[in-house]
Amino acid sequence: MVAICDEELVGRRLRLPSGCTVVVAESFYKGVLIDQTDVAGYIRNGSIINLLGERCIEAAVRSGLARKDSVQYVDGIPHIQLYL
């Protein structure tokens, strides 16, 4: 599994339409800080991919590994899950 999010989202609480909240937890997302140009390489090394945030999703779309019409929004933040 590969989990990538935009750096500023770590620690945020996102509200779901149901009223529940999801924490963008350091324990899940925070590991190696990478540049946008490295996102595609990390995606290619996983079979389950979790992307959260505009910049990492844009990098995945630009590299042809994700499609814009697959984006869902959680509290206004773009999110994609890929299964490769």
PDB file of N, CA and C in Angstrom:
ATOM      1  N   MET A   1       0.839  -1.172   0.000  1.00  0.00           N
ATOM      2  CA  MET A   1       0.000   0.000   0.000  1.00  0.00           C
ATOM      3  C   MET A   1       0.888   1.240   0.000  1.00  0.00           C
ATOM      4  N   VAL A   2       0.492   2.206  -0.807  1.00  0.00           N
ATOM      5  CA  VAL A   2       1.168   3.498  -0.866  1.00  0.00           C
ATOM      6  C   VAL A   2       0.131   4.564  -0.514  1.00  0.00           C
ATOM      7  N   ALA A   3       0.458   5.405   0.467  1.00  0.00           N
ATOM      8  CA  ALA A   3      -0.428   6.502   0.872  1.00  0.00           C
ATOM      9  C   ALA A   3       0.341   7.804   0.732  1.00  0.00           C
ATOM     10  N   ILE A   4      -0.199   8.707  -0.072  1.00  0.00           N
ATOM     11  CA  ILE A   4       0.458   9.995  -0.324  1.00  0.00           C
ATOM     12  C   ILE A   4      -0.570  11.108  -0.125  1.00  0.00           C
ATOM     13  N   CYS A   5      -0.177  12.137   0.604  1.00  0.00           N
ATOM     14  CA  CYS A   5      -1.052  13.310   0.710  1.00  0.00           C
ATOM     15  C   CYS A   5      -0.201  14.568   0.627  1.00  0.00           C
ATOM     16  N   ASP A   6      -0.849  15.660   0.317  1.00  0.00           N
ATOM     17  CA  ASP A   6      -0.172  16.951   0.326  1.00  0.00           C
ATOM     18  C   ASP A   6       0.227  17.254   1.771  1.00  0.00           C
ATOM     19  N   GLU A   7       1.438  17.737   1.954  1.00  0.00           N
ATOM     20  CA  GLU A   7       2.039  17.891   3.277  1.00  0.00           C
ATOM     21  C   GLU A   7       1.167  18.664   4.272  1.00  0.00           C
ATOM     22  N   GLU A   8       0.529  19.725   3.820  1.00  0.00           N
ATOM     23  CA  GLU A   8      -0.234  20.576   4.745  1.00  0.00           C
ATOM     24  C   GLU A   8      -1.518  19.916   5.260  1.00  0.00           C
ATOM     25  N   LEU A   9      -1.888  18.767   4.696  1.00  0.00           N
ATOM     26  CA  LEU A   9      -3.106  18.082   5.132  1.00  0.00           C
ATOM     27  C   LEU A   9      -2.876  17.177   6.343  1.00  0.00           C
ATOM     28  N   VAL A  10      -1.633  16.822   6.615  1.00  0.00           N
ATOM     29  CA  VAL A  10      -1.340  15.935   7.745  1.00  0.00           C
ATOM     30  C   VAL A  10      -1.818  16.580   9.043  1.00  0.00           C
ATOM     31  N   GLY A  11      -2.610  15.825   9.793  1.00  0.00           N
ATOM     32  CA  GLY A  11      -3.145  16.313  11.057  1.00  0.00           C
ATOM     33  C   GLY A  11      -4.527  16.933  10.966  1.00  0.00           C
ATOM     34  N   ARG A  12      -5.006  17.203   9.763  1.00  0.00           N
ATOM     35  CA  ARG A  12      -6.340  17.812   9.607  1.00  0.00           C
ATOM     36  C   ARG A  12      -7.442  16.814   9.884  1.00  0.00           C
ATOM     37  N   ARG A  13      -8.570  17.318  10.286  1.00  0.00           N
ATOM     38  CA  ARG A  13      -9.791  16.520  10.444  1.00  0.00           C
ATOM     39  C   ARG A  13     -10.734  16.903   9.306  1.00  0.00           C
ATOM     40  N   LEU A  14     -11.159  15.902   8.550  1.00  0.00           N
ATOM     41  CA  LEU A  14     -12.064  16.140   7.429  1.00  0.00           C
ATOM     42  C   LEU A  14     -13.441  15.597   7.789  1.00  0.00           C
ATOM     43  N   ARG A  15     -14.460  16.380   7.507  1.00  0.00           N
ATOM     44  CA  ARG A  15     -15.826  15.982   7.838  1.00  0.00           C
ATOM     45  C   ARG A  15     -16.470  15.294   6.636  1.00  0.00           C
ATOM     46  N   LEU A  16     -17.017  14.107   6.888  1.00  0.00           N
ATOM     47  CA  LEU A  16     -17.750  13.362   5.862  1.00  0.00           C
ATOM     48  C   LEU A  16     -19.194  13.842   5.823  1.00  0.00           C
ATOM     49  N   PRO A  17     -19.907  13.633   4.705  1.00  0.00           N
ATOM     50  CA  PRO A  17     -21.313  14.042   4.627  1.00  0.00           C
ATOM     51  C   PRO A  17     -22.168  13.427   5.740  1.00  0.00           C
ATOM     52  N   SER A  18     -21.765  12.278   6.252  1.00  0.00           N
ATOM     53  CA  SER A  18     -22.514  11.611   7.323  1.00  0.00           C
ATOM     54  C   SER A  18     -22.365  12.324   8.659  1.00  0.00           C
ATOM     55  N   GLY A  19     -21.425  13.270   8.748  1.00  0.00           N
ATOM     56  CA  GLY A  19     -21.163  13.956  10.003  1.00  0.00           C
ATOM     57  C   GLY A  19     -19.964  13.379  10.742  1.00  0.00           C
ATOM     58  N   CYS A  20     -19.502  12.215  10.326  1.00  0.00           N
ATOM     59  CA  CYS A  20     -18.305  11.621  10.915  1.00  0.00           C
ATOM     60  C   CYS A  20     -17.081  12.402  10.461  1.00  0.00           C
ATOM     61  N   THR A  21     -16.001  12.263  11.201  1.00  0.00           N
ATOM     62  CA  THR A  21     -14.765  12.905  10.786  1.00  0.00           C
ATOM     63  C   THR A  21     -13.688  11.853  10.530  1.00  0.00           C
ATOM     64  N   VAL A  22     -12.789  12.203   9.648  1.00  0.00           N
ATOM     65  CA  VAL A  22     -11.634  11.369   9.323  1.00  0.00           C
ATOM     66  C   VAL A  22     -10.403  12.209   9.608  1.00  0.00           C
ATOM     67  N   VAL A  23      -9.461  11.645  10.349  1.00  0.00           N
ATOM     68  CA  VAL A  23      -8.217  12.344  10.655  1.00  0.00           C
ATOM     69  C   VAL A  23      -7.165  11.925   9.639  1.00  0.00           C
ATOM     70  N   VAL A  24      -6.507  12.904   9.036  1.00  0.00           N
ATOM     71  CA  VAL A  24      -5.398  12.636   8.130  1.00  0.00           C
ATOM     72  C   VAL A  24      -4.193  12.390   9.045  1.00  0.00           C
ATOM     73  N   ALA A  25      -4.049  11.150   9.472  1.00  0.00           N
ATOM     74  CA  ALA A  25      -3.123  10.789  10.539  1.00  0.00           C
ATOM     75  C   ALA A  25      -1.673  10.715  10.071  1.00  0.00           C
ATOM     76  N   GLU A  26      -0.779  11.229  10.915  1.00  0.00           N
ATOM     77  CA  GLU A  26       0.654  11.112  10.646  1.00  0.00           C
ATOM     78  C   GLU A  26       1.053   9.654  10.541  1.00  0.00           C
ATOM     79  N   SER A  27       0.474   8.806  11.365  1.00  0.00           N
ATOM     80  CA  SER A  27       0.852   7.392  11.378  1.00  0.00           C
ATOM     81  C   SER A  27       0.532   6.697  10.056  1.00  0.00           C
ATOM     82  N   PHE A  28      -0.415   7.233   9.289  1.00  0.00           N
ATOM     83  CA  PHE A  28      -0.776   6.638   8.004  1.00  0.00           C
ATOM     84  C   PHE A  28      -0.066   7.323   6.835  1.00  0.00           C
ATOM     85  N   TYR A  29      -0.034   8.651   6.858  1.00  0.00           N
ATOM     86  CA  TYR A  29       0.470   9.404   5.707  1.00  0.00           C
ATOM     87  C   TYR A  29       1.900   9.898   5.837  1.00  0.00           C
ATOM     88  N   LYS A  30       2.352  10.168   7.046  1.00  0.00           N
ATOM     89  CA  LYS A  30       3.654  10.832   7.164  1.00  0.00           C
ATOM     90  C   LYS A  30       4.772   9.806   7.203  1.00  0.00           C
ATOM     91  N   GLY A  31       5.656   9.927   6.268  1.00  0.00           N
ATOM     92  CA  GLY A  31       6.816   9.054   6.162  1.00  0.00           C
ATOM     93  C   GLY A  31       7.906   9.848   5.488  1.00  0.00           C
ATOM     94  N   VAL A  32       8.118   9.563   4.238  1.00  0.00           N
ATOM     95  CA  VAL A  32       9.130  10.247   3.444  1.00  0.00           C
ATOM     96  C   VAL A  32       8.484  11.450   2.755  1.00  0.00           C
ATOM     97  N   LEU A  33       9.108  12.601   2.878  1.00  0.00           N
ATOM     98  CA  LEU A  33       8.637  13.784   2.163  1.00  0.00           C
ATOM     99  C   LEU A  33       9.188  13.713   0.746  1.00  0.00           C
ATOM    100  N   ILE A  34       8.279  13.700  -0.235  1.00  0.00           N
ATOM    101  CA  ILE A  34       8.713  13.575  -1.629  1.00  0.00           C
ATOM    102  C   ILE A  34       8.272  14.790  -2.433  1.00  0.00           C
ATOM    103  N   ASP A  35       8.910  14.972  -3.554  1.00  0.00           N
ATOM    104  CA  ASP A  35       8.570  16.032  -4.495  1.00  0.00           C
ATOM    105  C   ASP A  35       7.475  15.527  -5.426  1.00  0.00           C
ATOM    106  N   GLN A  36       6.720  16.435  -6.000  1.00  0.00           N
ATOM    107  CA  GLN A  36       5.662  16.054  -6.952  1.00  0.00           C
ATOM    108  C   GLN A  36       6.184  15.187  -8.080  1.00  0.00           C
ATOM    109  N   THR A  37       7.420  15.401  -8.474  1.00  0.00           N
ATOM    110  CA  THR A  37       7.981  14.629  -9.586  1.00  0.00           C
ATOM    111  C   THR A  37       8.217  13.165  -9.209  1.00  0.00           C
ATOM    112  N   ASP A  38       8.209  12.839  -7.912  1.00  0.00           N
ATOM    113  CA  ASP A  38       8.446  11.469  -7.453  1.00  0.00           C
ATOM    114  C   ASP A  38       7.158  10.673  -7.229  1.00  0.00           C
ATOM    115  N   VAL A  39       6.012  11.331  -7.296  1.00  0.00           N
ATOM    116  CA  VAL A  39       4.732  10.668  -7.000  1.00  0.00           C
ATOM    117  C   VAL A  39       4.507   9.459  -7.895  1.00  0.00           C
ATOM    118  N   ALA A  40       4.710   9.589  -9.185  1.00  0.00           N
ATOM    119  CA  ALA A  40       4.458   8.484 -10.123  1.00  0.00           C
ATOM    120  C   ALA A  40       5.301   7.265  -9.783  1.00  0.00           C
ATOM    121  N   GLY A  41       6.556   7.475  -9.423  1.00  0.00           N
ATOM    122  CA  GLY A  41       7.425   6.360  -9.069  1.00  0.00           C
ATOM    123  C   GLY A  41       6.921   5.598  -7.863  1.00  0.00           C
ATOM    124  N   TYR A  42       6.439   6.303  -6.858  1.00  0.00           N
ATOM    125  CA  TYR A  42       5.881   5.648  -5.677  1.00  0.00           C
ATOM    126  C   TYR A  42       4.605   4.891  -6.023  1.00  0.00           C
ATOM    127  N   ILE A  43       3.753   5.485  -6.856  1.00  0.00           N
ATOM    128  CA  ILE A  43       2.516   4.813  -7.252  1.00  0.00           C
ATOM    129  C   ILE A  43       2.830   3.500  -7.957  1.00  0.00           C
ATOM    130  N   ARG A  44       3.804   3.519  -8.820  1.00  0.00           N
ATOM    131  CA  ARG A  44       4.156   2.308  -9.585  1.00  0.00           C
ATOM    132  C   ARG A  44       4.671   1.178  -8.695  1.00  0.00           C
ATOM    133  N   ASN A  45       5.085   1.489  -7.478  1.00  0.00           N
ATOM    134  CA  ASN A  45       5.608   0.476  -6.562  1.00  0.00           C
ATOM    135  C   ASN A  45       4.540  -0.116  -5.645  1.00  0.00           C
ATOM    136  N   GLY A  46       3.299   0.290  -5.805  1.00  0.00           N
ATOM    137  CA  GLY A  46       2.237  -0.216  -4.943  1.00  0.00           C
ATOM    138  C   GLY A  46       1.152  -0.906  -5.722  1.00  0.00           C
ATOM    139  N   SER A  47       0.285  -1.588  -5.010  1.00  0.00           N
ATOM    140  CA  SER A  47      -0.886  -2.200  -5.646  1.00  0.00           C
ATOM    141  C   SER A  47      -2.180  -1.563  -5.144  1.00  0.00           C
ATOM    142  N   ILE A  48      -2.140  -0.974  -3.961  1.00  0.00           N
ATOM    143  CA  ILE A  48      -3.256  -0.194  -3.425  1.00  0.00           C
ATOM    144  C   ILE A  48      -2.700   1.190  -3.136  1.00  0.00           C
ATOM    145  N   ILE A  49      -3.298   2.210  -3.752  1.00  0.00           N
ATOM    146  CA  ILE A  49      -2.775   3.569  -3.659  1.00  0.00           C
ATOM    147  C   ILE A  49      -3.854   4.479  -3.088  1.00  0.00           C
ATOM    148  N   ASN A  50      -3.493   5.300  -2.115  1.00  0.00           N
ATOM    149  CA  ASN A  50      -4.397   6.257  -1.504  1.00  0.00           C
ATOM    150  C   ASN A  50      -3.776   7.632  -1.676  1.00  0.00           C
ATOM    151  N   LEU A  51      -4.447   8.506  -2.415  1.00  0.00           N
ATOM    152  CA  LEU A  51      -3.938   9.859  -2.680  1.00  0.00           C
ATOM    153  C   LEU A  51      -4.919  10.882  -2.130  1.00  0.00           C
ATOM    154  N   LEU A  52      -4.405  11.885  -1.425  1.00  0.00           N
ATOM    155  CA  LEU A  52      -5.249  12.913  -0.838  1.00  0.00           C
ATOM    156  C   LEU A  52      -4.583  14.265  -1.040  1.00  0.00           C
ATOM    157  N   GLY A  53      -5.251  15.153  -1.751  1.00  0.00           N
ATOM    158  CA  GLY A  53      -4.722  16.499  -1.958  1.00  0.00           C
ATOM    159  C   GLY A  53      -4.544  16.830  -3.424  1.00  0.00           C
ATOM    160  N   GLU A  54      -4.623  18.105  -3.712  1.00  0.00           N
ATOM    161  CA  GLU A  54      -4.582  18.577  -5.095  1.00  0.00           C
ATOM    162  C   GLU A  54      -3.269  18.267  -5.804  1.00  0.00           C
ATOM    163  N   ARG A  55      -2.145  18.515  -5.153  1.00  0.00           N
ATOM    164  CA  ARG A  55      -0.851  18.380  -5.841  1.00  0.00           C
ATOM    165  C   ARG A  55      -0.499  16.929  -6.141  1.00  0.00           C
ATOM    166  N   CYS A  56      -0.710  16.031  -5.191  1.00  0.00           N
ATOM    167  CA  CYS A  56      -0.346  14.630  -5.470  1.00  0.00           C
ATOM    168  C   CYS A  56      -1.291  14.011  -6.497  1.00  0.00           C
ATOM    169  N   ILE A  57      -2.553  14.389  -6.470  1.00  0.00           N
ATOM    170  CA  ILE A  57      -3.489  13.866  -7.470  1.00  0.00           C
ATOM    171  C   ILE A  57      -3.168  14.438  -8.846  1.00  0.00           C
ATOM    172  N   GLU A  58      -2.842  15.703  -8.906  1.00  0.00           N
ATOM    173  CA  GLU A  58      -2.456  16.303 -10.198  1.00  0.00           C
ATOM    174  C   GLU A  58      -1.239  15.589 -10.774  1.00  0.00           C
ATOM    175  N   ALA A  59      -0.277  15.254  -9.935  1.00  0.00           N
ATOM    176  CA  ALA A  59       0.916  14.536 -10.405  1.00  0.00           C
ATOM    177  C   ALA A  59       0.544  13.157 -10.941  1.00  0.00           C
ATOM    178  N   ALA A  60      -0.380  12.475 -10.276  1.00  0.00           N
ATOM    179  CA  ALA A  60      -0.817  11.153 -10.735  1.00  0.00           C
ATOM    180  C   ALA A  60      -1.570  11.249 -12.059  1.00  0.00           C
ATOM    181  N   VAL A  61      -2.417  12.250 -12.187  1.00  0.00           N
ATOM    182  CA  VAL A  61      -3.180  12.451 -13.432  1.00  0.00           C
ATOM    183  C   VAL A  61      -2.230  12.812 -14.567  1.00  0.00           C
ATOM    184  N   ARG A  62      -1.317  13.717 -14.307  1.00  0.00           N
ATOM    185  CA  ARG A  62      -0.360  14.164 -15.327  1.00  0.00           C
ATOM    186  C   ARG A  62       0.498  12.998 -15.839  1.00  0.00           C
ATOM    187  N   SER A  63       0.803  12.042 -14.972  1.00  0.00           N
ATOM    188  CA  SER A  63       1.627  10.900 -15.377  1.00  0.00           C
ATOM    189  C   SER A  63       0.811   9.789 -16.029  1.00  0.00           C
ATOM    190  N   GLY A  64      -0.522   9.964 -16.089  1.00  0.00           N
ATOM    191  CA  GLY A  64      -1.379   8.969 -16.724  1.00  0.00           C
ATOM    192  C   GLY A  64      -1.748   7.795 -15.823  1.00  0.00           C
ATOM    193  N   LEU A  65      -1.469   7.898 -14.523  1.00  0.00           N
ATOM    194  CA  LEU A  65      -1.757   6.810 -13.597  1.00  0.00           C
ATOM    195  C   LEU A  65      -3.115   6.948 -12.909  1.00  0.00           C
ATOM    196  N   ALA A  66      -3.759   8.089 -13.080  1.00  0.00           N
ATOM    197  CA  ALA A  66      -5.091   8.323 -12.504  1.00  0.00           C
ATOM    198  C   ALA A  66      -5.878   9.209 -13.462  1.00  0.00           C
ATOM    199  N   ARG A  67      -7.191   9.168 -13.330  1.00  0.00           N
ATOM    200  CA  ARG A  67      -8.052  10.000 -14.175  1.00  0.00           C
ATOM    201  C   ARG A  67      -8.799  11.006 -13.315  1.00  0.00           C
ATOM    202  N   LYS A  68      -8.950  12.202 -13.841  1.00  0.00           N
ATOM    203  CA  LYS A  68      -9.668  13.255 -13.106  1.00  0.00           C
ATOM    204  C   LYS A  68     -11.097  12.852 -12.760  1.00  0.00           C
ATOM    205  N   ASP A  69     -11.736  12.060 -13.617  1.00  0.00           N
ATOM    206  CA  ASP A  69     -13.122  11.687 -13.331  1.00  0.00           C
ATOM    207  C   ASP A  69     -13.224  10.646 -12.221  1.00  0.00           C
ATOM    208  N   SER A  70     -12.103  10.196 -11.683  1.00  0.00           N
ATOM    209  CA  SER A  70     -12.094   9.270 -10.552  1.00  0.00           C
ATOM    210  C   SER A  70     -11.967   9.994  -9.214  1.00  0.00           C
ATOM    211  N   VAL A  71     -11.780  11.297  -9.250  1.00  0.00           N
ATOM    212  CA  VAL A  71     -11.593  12.070  -8.025  1.00  0.00           C
ATOM    213  C   VAL A  71     -12.912  12.178  -7.265  1.00  0.00           C
ATOM    214  N   GLN A  72     -12.834  11.912  -5.960  1.00  0.00           N
ATOM    215  CA  GLN A  72     -13.944  12.164  -5.054  1.00  0.00           C
ATOM    216  C   GLN A  72     -13.467  13.223  -4.075  1.00  0.00           C
ATOM    217  N   TYR A  73     -14.373  13.920  -3.447  1.00  0.00           N
ATOM    218  CA  TYR A  73     -13.994  14.993  -2.535  1.00  0.00           C
ATOM    219  C   TYR A  73     -14.457  14.668  -1.126  1.00  0.00           C
ATOM    220  N   VAL A  74     -13.550  14.868  -0.188  1.00  0.00           N
ATOM    221  CA  VAL A  74     -13.842  14.686   1.226  1.00  0.00           C
ATOM    222  C   VAL A  74     -13.616  16.040   1.885  1.00  0.00           C
ATOM    223  N   ASP A  75     -14.692  16.661   2.313  1.00  0.00           N
ATOM    224  CA  ASP A  75     -14.624  17.987   2.938  1.00  0.00           C
ATOM    225  C   ASP A  75     -13.891  18.983   2.034  1.00  0.00           C
ATOM    226  N   GLY A  76     -14.126  18.863   0.720  1.00  0.00           N
ATOM    227  CA  GLY A  76     -13.534  19.773  -0.257  1.00  0.00           C
ATOM    228  C   GLY A  76     -12.133  19.397  -0.705  1.00  0.00           C
ATOM    229  N   ILE A  77     -11.580  18.317  -0.170  1.00  0.00           N
ATOM    230  CA  ILE A  77     -10.222  17.887  -0.508  1.00  0.00           C
ATOM    231  C   ILE A  77     -10.313  16.722  -1.487  1.00  0.00           C
ATOM    232  N   PRO A  78      -9.611  16.780  -2.641  1.00  0.00           N
ATOM    233  CA  PRO A  78      -9.676  15.696  -3.601  1.00  0.00           C
ATOM    234  C   PRO A  78      -9.005  14.412  -3.073  1.00  0.00           C
ATOM    235  N   HIS A  79      -9.616  13.277  -3.391  1.00  0.00           N
ATOM    236  CA  HIS A  79      -9.139  11.977  -2.910  1.00  0.00           C
ATOM    237  C   HIS A  79      -9.336  10.933  -4.013  1.00  0.00           C
ATOM    238  N   ILE A  80      -8.354  10.065  -4.175  1.00  0.00           N
ATOM    239  CA  ILE A  80      -8.458   8.953  -5.127  1.00  0.00           C
ATOM    240  C   ILE A  80      -7.875   7.709  -4.463  1.00  0.00           C
ATOM    241  N   GLN A  81      -8.529   6.581  -4.683  1.00  0.00           N
ATOM    242  CA  GLN A  81      -7.951   5.285  -4.342  1.00  0.00           C
ATOM    243  C   GLN A  81      -7.777   4.517  -5.642  1.00  0.00           C
ATOM    244  N   LEU A  82      -6.596   3.956  -5.813  1.00  0.00           N
ATOM    245  CA  LEU A  82      -6.271   3.183  -7.016  1.00  0.00           C
ATOM    246  C   LEU A  82      -5.942   1.770  -6.603  1.00  0.00           C
ATOM    247  N   TYR A  83      -6.334   0.827  -7.440  1.00  0.00           N
ATOM    248  CA  TYR A  83      -6.002  -0.583  -7.243  1.00  0.00           C
ATOM    249  C   TYR A  83      -5.328  -1.055  -8.524  1.00  0.00           C
ATOM    250  N   LEU A  84      -4.040  -1.304  -8.443  1.00  0.00           N
ATOM    251  CA  LEU A  84      -3.275  -1.652  -9.642  1.00  0.00           C
ATOM    252  C   LEU A  84      -2.964  -3.125  -9.673  1.00  0.00           C
TER     253      LEU A  84
END
